[in-house]
Amino acid sequence: MTYPRPPATPSLSAQLPRTARSPASVTNATAAITATVTGAGATATTTGAKIPAGGGFTLTAKATGFTPAASSYQWYLVNFAIPGATASTYTVADATAAADAGAYAVDMKTPAGEIVTSAAFTVTVSASTSGTNGGNNSGSGSGNSGGGGGGGGAPSLLYLAAATTLLILLLCAKRR
């Protein structure tokens, strides 16, 4: 099942960070997250996954030491609850670095109210690549022998906000 992505800037009034909660915990239970990944070059380990932009992943919660088994789940991205992500799995079909990269965790709860929380599982989403010559724009026709370099892409929101603020300040200073 695919759930909606969390907002780019979580609404603090709508969601409390995990650190603000104080649930009962289970000391004899352990939790882990496993991943199934898709996309060219995608890899997964026991602590994280690397996904190409546009690739996908499914995270699965596994708990041991629970009796009875977990009856509810809540997935978190960067310590904020992901709206609607309350199943034992969490799936993203078309990953982007801005919306889907970060540290995931899951809370699993028994019918008796006992909660166990997984360790962080880090998902890294690589930037999308374009072009067919591996980033070498030297025009020499010699393949990948030049310095080429990377770069390009859209500017970050932080950069755009800083540039806009600077422009406003300069315009205000000119009017004085």
N, C-alpha and C. Protein backbone atom coordinates (compact mmCIF):
# COMPACT_ATOMS: atom_id res chain seq x y z
N MET A 1 0.84 -1.15 0.00
CA MET A 1 0.00 0.00 0.00
C MET A 1 0.89 1.23 0.00
N THR A 2 0.59 2.21 -0.81
CA THR A 2 1.36 3.44 -0.89
C THR A 2 0.62 4.52 -0.13
N TYR A 3 1.36 5.27 0.70
CA TYR A 3 0.77 6.31 1.52
C TYR A 3 1.21 7.67 1.00
N PRO A 4 0.45 8.71 1.31
CA PRO A 4 0.89 10.05 0.88
C PRO A 4 2.19 10.42 1.57
N ARG A 5 3.01 11.18 0.87
CA ARG A 5 4.27 11.62 1.43
C ARG A 5 4.02 12.64 2.52
N PRO A 6 4.92 12.71 3.50
CA PRO A 6 4.77 13.74 4.52
C PRO A 6 4.98 15.11 3.90
N PRO A 7 4.43 16.15 4.52
CA PRO A 7 4.65 17.49 3.97
C PRO A 7 6.13 17.84 4.02
N ALA A 8 6.56 18.69 3.08
CA ALA A 8 7.96 19.09 3.02
C ALA A 8 8.39 19.76 4.31
N THR A 9 7.52 20.58 4.88
CA THR A 9 7.77 21.18 6.18
C THR A 9 6.63 20.74 7.08
N PRO A 10 6.89 19.79 7.98
CA PRO A 10 5.81 19.28 8.81
C PRO A 10 5.16 20.38 9.63
N SER A 11 3.84 20.31 9.73
CA SER A 11 3.11 21.26 10.55
C SER A 11 3.28 20.87 12.00
N LEU A 12 3.95 21.72 12.77
CA LEU A 12 4.22 21.40 14.16
C LEU A 12 2.95 21.36 14.99
N SER A 13 1.92 22.08 14.58
CA SER A 13 0.69 22.05 15.35
C SER A 13 -0.08 20.75 15.10
N ALA A 14 0.14 20.13 13.96
CA ALA A 14 -0.59 18.90 13.63
C ALA A 14 0.14 17.65 14.07
N GLN A 15 1.47 17.72 14.22
CA GLN A 15 2.24 16.53 14.53
C GLN A 15 3.27 16.84 15.61
N LEU A 16 3.39 15.97 16.55
CA LEU A 16 4.44 16.10 17.55
C LEU A 16 5.62 15.24 17.14
N PRO A 17 6.83 15.71 17.32
CA PRO A 17 7.98 14.86 17.05
C PRO A 17 7.97 13.66 18.00
N ARG A 18 8.58 12.58 17.58
CA ARG A 18 8.61 11.38 18.40
C ARG A 18 9.22 11.65 19.76
N THR A 19 10.20 12.53 19.84
CA THR A 19 10.87 12.79 21.11
C THR A 19 9.95 13.47 22.11
N ALA A 20 8.84 14.05 21.67
CA ALA A 20 7.92 14.73 22.57
C ALA A 20 6.94 13.75 23.23
N ARG A 21 6.87 12.53 22.72
CA ARG A 21 5.96 11.54 23.28
C ARG A 21 6.65 10.78 24.40
N SER A 22 5.89 10.23 25.29
CA SER A 22 6.47 9.39 26.34
C SER A 22 5.63 8.14 26.53
N PRO A 23 5.62 7.23 25.52
CA PRO A 23 4.81 6.03 25.62
C PRO A 23 5.45 5.00 26.55
N ALA A 24 4.60 4.07 26.98
CA ALA A 24 5.14 2.92 27.71
C ALA A 24 6.01 2.14 26.75
N SER A 25 7.07 1.56 27.23
CA SER A 25 7.94 0.82 26.33
C SER A 25 8.08 -0.61 26.81
N VAL A 26 8.57 -1.46 25.92
CA VAL A 26 8.77 -2.86 26.22
C VAL A 26 10.27 -3.11 26.20
N THR A 27 10.83 -3.57 27.30
CA THR A 27 12.27 -3.73 27.36
C THR A 27 12.74 -5.06 26.78
N ASN A 28 11.88 -6.07 26.71
CA ASN A 28 12.31 -7.37 26.21
C ASN A 28 12.00 -7.56 24.73
N ALA A 29 11.53 -6.52 24.06
CA ALA A 29 11.20 -6.63 22.65
C ALA A 29 12.23 -5.85 21.83
N THR A 30 12.42 -6.29 20.60
CA THR A 30 13.30 -5.57 19.68
C THR A 30 12.55 -5.36 18.38
N ALA A 31 12.94 -4.33 17.66
CA ALA A 31 12.29 -4.01 16.39
C ALA A 31 13.35 -3.73 15.35
N ALA A 32 13.03 -4.06 14.13
CA ALA A 32 13.95 -3.80 13.03
C ALA A 32 13.14 -3.44 11.79
N ILE A 33 13.79 -2.77 10.87
CA ILE A 33 13.18 -2.43 9.59
C ILE A 33 14.00 -3.11 8.52
N THR A 34 13.32 -3.77 7.59
CA THR A 34 13.98 -4.34 6.42
C THR A 34 13.45 -3.61 5.19
N ALA A 35 14.22 -3.63 4.12
CA ALA A 35 13.82 -2.89 2.92
C ALA A 35 13.90 -3.76 1.68
N THR A 36 12.95 -3.54 0.79
CA THR A 36 12.98 -4.06 -0.57
C THR A 36 13.08 -2.84 -1.46
N VAL A 37 14.07 -2.82 -2.35
CA VAL A 37 14.34 -1.63 -3.16
C VAL A 37 14.21 -1.93 -4.64
N THR A 38 13.87 -0.90 -5.43
CA THR A 38 13.78 -1.04 -6.88
C THR A 38 14.51 0.13 -7.53
N GLY A 39 14.93 -0.06 -8.75
CA GLY A 39 15.62 0.98 -9.50
C GLY A 39 17.05 0.56 -9.77
N ALA A 40 17.59 1.05 -10.87
CA ALA A 40 18.96 0.71 -11.27
C ALA A 40 19.95 1.18 -10.21
N GLY A 41 20.76 0.27 -9.70
CA GLY A 41 21.77 0.61 -8.72
C GLY A 41 21.27 0.71 -7.29
N ALA A 42 20.02 0.39 -7.02
CA ALA A 42 19.47 0.46 -5.67
C ALA A 42 20.08 -0.63 -4.81
N THR A 43 20.42 -0.28 -3.57
CA THR A 43 20.99 -1.24 -2.64
C THR A 43 20.35 -1.08 -1.27
N ALA A 44 20.38 -2.15 -0.48
CA ALA A 44 19.84 -2.10 0.87
C ALA A 44 20.74 -2.89 1.81
N THR A 45 20.90 -2.38 3.03
CA THR A 45 21.64 -3.07 4.08
C THR A 45 20.71 -3.19 5.29
N THR A 46 21.24 -3.62 6.42
CA THR A 46 20.41 -3.73 7.62
C THR A 46 20.13 -2.38 8.26
N THR A 47 20.87 -1.34 7.89
CA THR A 47 20.68 -0.02 8.51
C THR A 47 20.22 1.06 7.55
N GLY A 48 20.14 0.76 6.25
CA GLY A 48 19.73 1.79 5.31
C GLY A 48 19.63 1.28 3.90
N ALA A 49 19.21 2.20 3.01
CA ALA A 49 19.06 1.87 1.60
C ALA A 49 19.46 3.07 0.76
N LYS A 50 20.00 2.80 -0.41
CA LYS A 50 20.33 3.84 -1.39
C LYS A 50 19.46 3.59 -2.61
N ILE A 51 18.69 4.61 -2.98
CA ILE A 51 17.71 4.49 -4.05
C ILE A 51 18.02 5.55 -5.11
N PRO A 52 17.93 5.20 -6.39
CA PRO A 52 18.06 6.25 -7.41
C PRO A 52 16.77 7.06 -7.45
N ALA A 53 16.88 8.34 -7.82
CA ALA A 53 15.68 9.16 -7.97
C ALA A 53 14.73 8.45 -8.94
N GLY A 54 13.48 8.36 -8.57
CA GLY A 54 12.50 7.67 -9.39
C GLY A 54 12.36 6.20 -9.06
N GLY A 55 13.31 5.65 -8.29
CA GLY A 55 13.23 4.27 -7.85
C GLY A 55 12.20 4.15 -6.73
N GLY A 56 12.06 2.98 -6.19
CA GLY A 56 11.09 2.78 -5.13
C GLY A 56 11.64 1.94 -4.01
N PHE A 57 10.89 1.95 -2.90
CA PHE A 57 11.28 1.10 -1.77
C PHE A 57 10.06 0.77 -0.93
N THR A 58 10.15 -0.39 -0.29
CA THR A 58 9.15 -0.80 0.68
C THR A 58 9.88 -1.14 1.97
N LEU A 59 9.48 -0.49 3.06
CA LEU A 59 10.05 -0.76 4.37
C LEU A 59 9.08 -1.67 5.11
N THR A 60 9.60 -2.68 5.80
CA THR A 60 8.77 -3.63 6.53
C THR A 60 9.21 -3.66 7.99
N ALA A 61 8.24 -3.52 8.89
CA ALA A 61 8.52 -3.54 10.33
C ALA A 61 8.51 -4.99 10.81
N LYS A 62 9.50 -5.33 11.61
CA LYS A 62 9.58 -6.67 12.20
C LYS A 62 9.89 -6.51 13.67
N ALA A 63 9.11 -7.15 14.54
CA ALA A 63 9.35 -7.10 15.98
C ALA A 63 9.48 -8.51 16.52
N THR A 64 10.34 -8.65 17.51
CA THR A 64 10.47 -9.92 18.22
C THR A 64 10.29 -9.63 19.71
N GLY A 65 9.78 -10.59 20.44
CA GLY A 65 9.59 -10.42 21.87
C GLY A 65 8.23 -9.87 22.25
N PHE A 66 7.37 -9.65 21.27
CA PHE A 66 6.01 -9.18 21.52
C PHE A 66 5.08 -10.36 21.72
N THR A 67 4.30 -10.35 22.78
CA THR A 67 3.23 -11.33 22.93
C THR A 67 2.04 -10.62 23.51
N PRO A 68 0.96 -10.45 22.83
CA PRO A 68 0.70 -10.86 21.45
C PRO A 68 1.43 -9.96 20.45
N ALA A 69 1.31 -10.31 19.19
CA ALA A 69 2.01 -9.58 18.14
C ALA A 69 1.51 -8.14 18.06
N ALA A 70 2.31 -7.30 17.39
CA ALA A 70 1.93 -5.90 17.21
C ALA A 70 0.59 -5.79 16.51
N SER A 71 -0.23 -4.86 16.99
CA SER A 71 -1.56 -4.68 16.39
C SER A 71 -1.69 -3.34 15.68
N SER A 72 -0.77 -2.41 15.94
CA SER A 72 -0.81 -1.15 15.22
C SER A 72 0.61 -0.63 15.00
N TYR A 73 0.73 0.22 14.00
CA TYR A 73 2.03 0.72 13.58
C TYR A 73 1.92 2.22 13.29
N GLN A 74 3.02 2.93 13.47
CA GLN A 74 3.12 4.32 13.02
C GLN A 74 4.53 4.54 12.50
N TRP A 75 4.62 4.93 11.23
CA TRP A 75 5.91 5.19 10.60
C TRP A 75 6.28 6.66 10.76
N TYR A 76 7.58 6.92 10.88
CA TYR A 76 8.10 8.27 11.06
C TYR A 76 9.20 8.52 10.04
N LEU A 77 9.27 9.76 9.57
CA LEU A 77 10.36 10.22 8.72
C LEU A 77 10.95 11.44 9.42
N VAL A 78 12.22 11.39 9.74
CA VAL A 78 12.93 12.45 10.45
C VAL A 78 12.15 12.84 11.71
N ASN A 79 11.71 11.83 12.45
CA ASN A 79 11.02 11.98 13.74
C ASN A 79 9.63 12.61 13.67
N PHE A 80 9.04 12.73 12.49
CA PHE A 80 7.67 13.21 12.38
C PHE A 80 6.81 12.09 11.80
N ALA A 81 5.62 11.94 12.39
CA ALA A 81 4.71 10.89 11.93
C ALA A 81 4.34 11.12 10.47
N ILE A 82 4.33 10.05 9.70
CA ILE A 82 3.91 10.11 8.30
C ILE A 82 2.40 9.90 8.30
N PRO A 83 1.62 10.88 7.85
CA PRO A 83 0.16 10.74 7.87
C PRO A 83 -0.30 9.50 7.10
N GLY A 84 -1.14 8.70 7.73
CA GLY A 84 -1.72 7.52 7.09
C GLY A 84 -0.82 6.31 7.04
N ALA A 85 0.41 6.42 7.49
CA ALA A 85 1.36 5.29 7.42
C ALA A 85 1.24 4.47 8.69
N THR A 86 0.22 3.62 8.74
CA THR A 86 -0.10 2.87 9.96
C THR A 86 -0.19 1.36 9.72
N ALA A 87 0.46 0.88 8.68
CA ALA A 87 0.49 -0.56 8.39
C ALA A 87 1.88 -1.09 8.71
N SER A 88 2.06 -2.39 8.61
CA SER A 88 3.36 -3.00 8.91
C SER A 88 4.39 -2.71 7.82
N THR A 89 3.94 -2.20 6.67
CA THR A 89 4.86 -1.82 5.60
C THR A 89 4.59 -0.37 5.19
N TYR A 90 5.63 0.25 4.64
CA TYR A 90 5.52 1.61 4.11
C TYR A 90 6.20 1.61 2.76
N THR A 91 5.49 2.04 1.71
CA THR A 91 5.99 1.96 0.34
C THR A 91 6.02 3.34 -0.32
N VAL A 92 7.12 3.60 -1.02
CA VAL A 92 7.25 4.78 -1.87
C VAL A 92 7.59 4.25 -3.26
N ALA A 93 6.77 4.61 -4.26
CA ALA A 93 6.97 4.08 -5.60
C ALA A 93 7.89 4.94 -6.46
N ASP A 94 7.91 6.25 -6.25
CA ASP A 94 8.68 7.17 -7.09
C ASP A 94 9.44 8.12 -6.18
N ALA A 95 10.59 7.67 -5.68
CA ALA A 95 11.33 8.40 -4.65
C ALA A 95 12.00 9.66 -5.18
N THR A 96 11.95 10.72 -4.36
CA THR A 96 12.70 11.94 -4.64
C THR A 96 13.53 12.27 -3.40
N ALA A 97 14.66 12.93 -3.62
CA ALA A 97 15.53 13.27 -2.49
C ALA A 97 14.84 14.23 -1.53
N ALA A 98 14.09 15.19 -2.06
CA ALA A 98 13.46 16.20 -1.21
C ALA A 98 12.37 15.62 -0.33
N ALA A 99 11.60 14.69 -0.84
CA ALA A 99 10.43 14.20 -0.09
C ALA A 99 10.67 12.90 0.65
N ASP A 100 11.60 12.07 0.20
CA ASP A 100 11.67 10.71 0.72
C ASP A 100 12.97 10.32 1.39
N ALA A 101 14.01 11.12 1.27
CA ALA A 101 15.29 10.78 1.90
C ALA A 101 15.23 11.15 3.38
N GLY A 102 15.90 10.35 4.20
CA GLY A 102 15.99 10.66 5.63
C GLY A 102 15.94 9.41 6.48
N ALA A 103 15.87 9.63 7.78
CA ALA A 103 15.85 8.53 8.75
C ALA A 103 14.41 8.12 9.04
N TYR A 104 14.10 6.87 8.77
CA TYR A 104 12.78 6.31 9.03
C TYR A 104 12.82 5.49 10.32
N ALA A 105 11.72 5.46 11.02
CA ALA A 105 11.55 4.60 12.19
C ALA A 105 10.08 4.21 12.25
N VAL A 106 9.80 3.17 13.04
CA VAL A 106 8.42 2.73 13.18
C VAL A 106 8.17 2.37 14.65
N ASP A 107 7.00 2.75 15.14
CA ASP A 107 6.52 2.32 16.45
C ASP A 107 5.55 1.18 16.22
N MET A 108 5.72 0.11 16.99
CA MET A 108 4.80 -1.02 16.93
C MET A 108 4.15 -1.16 18.31
N LYS A 109 2.83 -1.33 18.33
CA LYS A 109 2.09 -1.33 19.58
C LYS A 109 1.26 -2.62 19.70
N THR A 110 1.25 -3.19 20.92
CA THR A 110 0.44 -4.38 21.18
C THR A 110 -0.96 -3.93 21.60
N PRO A 111 -1.92 -4.86 21.59
CA PRO A 111 -3.26 -4.51 22.08
C PRO A 111 -3.24 -4.04 23.54
N ALA A 112 -2.23 -4.44 24.32
CA ALA A 112 -2.14 -4.03 25.72
C ALA A 112 -1.51 -2.64 25.87
N GLY A 113 -1.08 -2.03 24.77
CA GLY A 113 -0.51 -0.70 24.82
C GLY A 113 1.00 -0.65 24.92
N GLU A 114 1.66 -1.80 24.90
CA GLU A 114 3.12 -1.81 24.93
C GLU A 114 3.64 -1.35 23.56
N ILE A 115 4.69 -0.55 23.59
CA ILE A 115 5.25 0.01 22.36
C ILE A 115 6.72 -0.33 22.25
N VAL A 116 7.14 -0.73 21.08
CA VAL A 116 8.55 -0.90 20.78
C VAL A 116 8.86 -0.06 19.55
N THR A 117 10.00 0.61 19.57
CA THR A 117 10.40 1.51 18.49
C THR A 117 11.65 0.96 17.82
N SER A 118 11.66 0.99 16.51
CA SER A 118 12.82 0.51 15.76
C SER A 118 13.94 1.53 15.84
N ALA A 119 15.14 1.07 15.53
CA ALA A 119 16.26 1.98 15.32
C ALA A 119 16.03 2.70 14.00
N ALA A 120 16.75 3.78 13.80
CA ALA A 120 16.61 4.54 12.54
C ALA A 120 17.08 3.70 11.36
N PHE A 121 16.40 3.84 10.25
CA PHE A 121 16.75 3.20 8.99
C PHE A 121 16.88 4.34 7.98
N THR A 122 18.09 4.58 7.48
CA THR A 122 18.33 5.76 6.64
C THR A 122 18.16 5.43 5.17
N VAL A 123 17.31 6.21 4.51
CA VAL A 123 17.10 6.08 3.07
C VAL A 123 17.76 7.28 2.40
N THR A 124 18.66 7.00 1.46
CA THR A 124 19.32 8.03 0.67
C THR A 124 18.79 7.93 -0.75
N VAL A 125 18.36 9.05 -1.29
CA VAL A 125 17.87 9.08 -2.67
C VAL A 125 18.84 9.91 -3.48
N SER A 126 19.44 9.28 -4.50
CA SER A 126 20.41 9.99 -5.32
C SER A 126 19.71 10.99 -6.22
N ALA A 127 20.44 12.03 -6.59
CA ALA A 127 19.90 13.02 -7.51
C ALA A 127 19.70 12.39 -8.87
N SER A 128 18.71 12.89 -9.59
CA SER A 128 18.48 12.34 -10.92
C SER A 128 19.60 12.81 -11.84
N THR A 129 19.93 11.97 -12.78
CA THR A 129 20.96 12.31 -13.75
C THR A 129 20.31 12.49 -15.10
N SER A 130 20.87 13.36 -15.90
CA SER A 130 20.33 13.57 -17.24
C SER A 130 21.47 13.53 -18.23
N GLY A 131 21.13 13.38 -19.47
CA GLY A 131 22.16 13.31 -20.50
C GLY A 131 22.64 11.89 -20.67
N THR A 132 23.48 11.69 -21.71
CA THR A 132 23.92 10.34 -21.99
C THR A 132 25.43 10.18 -21.94
N ASN A 133 26.18 11.26 -21.67
CA ASN A 133 27.63 11.12 -21.71
C ASN A 133 28.26 11.19 -20.33
N GLY A 134 27.53 10.85 -19.29
CA GLY A 134 28.09 10.76 -17.96
C GLY A 134 28.51 12.09 -17.37
N GLY A 135 27.94 13.18 -17.81
CA GLY A 135 28.25 14.48 -17.23
C GLY A 135 29.43 15.18 -17.91
N ASN A 136 30.02 14.58 -18.94
CA ASN A 136 31.13 15.20 -19.63
C ASN A 136 30.59 16.07 -20.75
N ASN A 137 30.61 17.35 -20.57
CA ASN A 137 30.10 18.27 -21.57
C ASN A 137 31.22 19.01 -22.28
N SER A 138 32.36 18.37 -22.43
CA SER A 138 33.51 19.02 -23.04
C SER A 138 33.33 19.22 -24.53
N GLY A 139 32.48 18.45 -25.17
CA GLY A 139 32.25 18.60 -26.59
C GLY A 139 33.39 18.07 -27.43
N SER A 140 34.35 17.42 -26.84
CA SER A 140 35.52 16.98 -27.59
C SER A 140 35.28 15.65 -28.30
N GLY A 141 34.20 14.97 -27.94
CA GLY A 141 33.93 13.68 -28.55
C GLY A 141 34.86 12.60 -28.06
N SER A 142 35.59 12.86 -26.99
CA SER A 142 36.57 11.89 -26.53
C SER A 142 36.07 11.05 -25.37
N GLY A 143 34.78 10.95 -25.21
CA GLY A 143 34.23 10.13 -24.13
C GLY A 143 34.33 10.81 -22.78
N ASN A 144 34.64 10.05 -21.78
CA ASN A 144 34.66 10.57 -20.42
C ASN A 144 36.07 10.94 -19.97
N SER A 145 36.88 11.50 -20.83
CA SER A 145 38.25 11.80 -20.45
C SER A 145 38.41 13.19 -19.83
N GLY A 146 37.46 14.07 -20.02
CA GLY A 146 37.58 15.43 -19.50
C GLY A 146 37.17 15.52 -18.05
N GLY A 147 37.39 16.68 -17.46
CA GLY A 147 37.02 16.93 -16.06
C GLY A 147 35.52 16.88 -15.89
N GLY A 148 34.77 17.30 -16.90
CA GLY A 148 33.31 17.20 -16.88
C GLY A 148 32.70 17.91 -15.71
N GLY A 149 32.76 17.30 -14.57
CA GLY A 149 32.14 17.92 -13.39
C GLY A 149 30.68 17.59 -13.34
N GLY A 150 30.08 17.95 -12.31
CA GLY A 150 28.65 17.70 -12.16
C GLY A 150 27.93 19.01 -12.09
N GLY A 151 27.19 19.19 -11.03
CA GLY A 151 26.48 20.44 -10.85
C GLY A 151 25.18 20.43 -11.61
N GLY A 152 24.67 21.61 -11.81
CA GLY A 152 23.40 21.72 -12.49
C GLY A 152 22.27 21.39 -11.56
N GLY A 153 21.12 21.19 -12.08
CA GLY A 153 19.95 20.89 -11.26
C GLY A 153 19.31 22.16 -10.74
N ALA A 154 18.22 21.99 -10.07
CA ALA A 154 17.47 23.12 -9.53
C ALA A 154 18.13 23.62 -8.25
N PRO A 155 18.07 24.93 -8.01
CA PRO A 155 18.62 25.45 -6.76
C PRO A 155 17.76 25.02 -5.58
N SER A 156 18.37 24.94 -4.41
CA SER A 156 17.64 24.53 -3.23
C SER A 156 16.70 25.64 -2.78
N LEU A 157 15.68 25.27 -2.01
CA LEU A 157 14.74 26.25 -1.48
C LEU A 157 15.45 27.24 -0.56
N LEU A 158 16.43 26.78 0.20
CA LEU A 158 17.18 27.66 1.09
C LEU A 158 17.91 28.72 0.28
N TYR A 159 18.52 28.32 -0.82
CA TYR A 159 19.21 29.27 -1.67
C TYR A 159 18.23 30.28 -2.25
N LEU A 160 17.09 29.82 -2.73
CA LEU A 160 16.09 30.73 -3.30
C LEU A 160 15.57 31.71 -2.25
N ALA A 161 15.35 31.23 -1.03
CA ALA A 161 14.87 32.12 0.04
C ALA A 161 15.92 33.16 0.39
N ALA A 162 17.19 32.74 0.47
CA ALA A 162 18.26 33.68 0.78
C ALA A 162 18.42 34.71 -0.34
N ALA A 163 18.36 34.28 -1.58
CA ALA A 163 18.51 35.19 -2.71
C ALA A 163 17.34 36.18 -2.74
N THR A 164 16.14 35.73 -2.48
CA THR A 164 14.96 36.60 -2.46
C THR A 164 15.07 37.62 -1.34
N THR A 165 15.49 37.18 -0.15
CA THR A 165 15.66 38.09 0.99
C THR A 165 16.70 39.15 0.68
N LEU A 166 17.82 38.76 0.09
CA LEU A 166 18.87 39.69 -0.27
C LEU A 166 18.36 40.70 -1.28
N LEU A 167 17.61 40.26 -2.27
CA LEU A 167 17.07 41.15 -3.28
C LEU A 167 16.12 42.16 -2.66
N ILE A 168 15.27 41.72 -1.75
CA ILE A 168 14.33 42.63 -1.06
C ILE A 168 15.10 43.66 -0.25
N LEU A 169 16.13 43.21 0.48
CA LEU A 169 16.93 44.15 1.27
C LEU A 169 17.63 45.18 0.40
N LEU A 170 18.15 44.76 -0.73
CA LEU A 170 18.82 45.69 -1.64
C LEU A 170 17.83 46.70 -2.22
N LEU A 171 16.63 46.26 -2.58
CA LEU A 171 15.61 47.16 -3.11
C LEU A 171 15.16 48.15 -2.05
N CYS A 172 15.00 47.70 -0.82
CA CYS A 172 14.60 48.60 0.27
C CYS A 172 15.70 49.62 0.54
N ALA A 173 16.96 49.22 0.49
CA ALA A 173 18.07 50.13 0.74
C ALA A 173 18.17 51.18 -0.37
N LYS A 174 17.85 50.83 -1.60
CA LYS A 174 17.89 51.76 -2.73
C LYS A 174 16.85 52.85 -2.59
N ARG A 175 15.70 52.53 -2.03
CA ARG A 175 14.60 53.47 -1.88
C ARG A 175 14.89 54.51 -0.80
N ARG A 176 15.79 54.25 0.10
CA ARG A 176 16.10 55.19 1.19
C ARG A 176 16.98 56.24 0.71
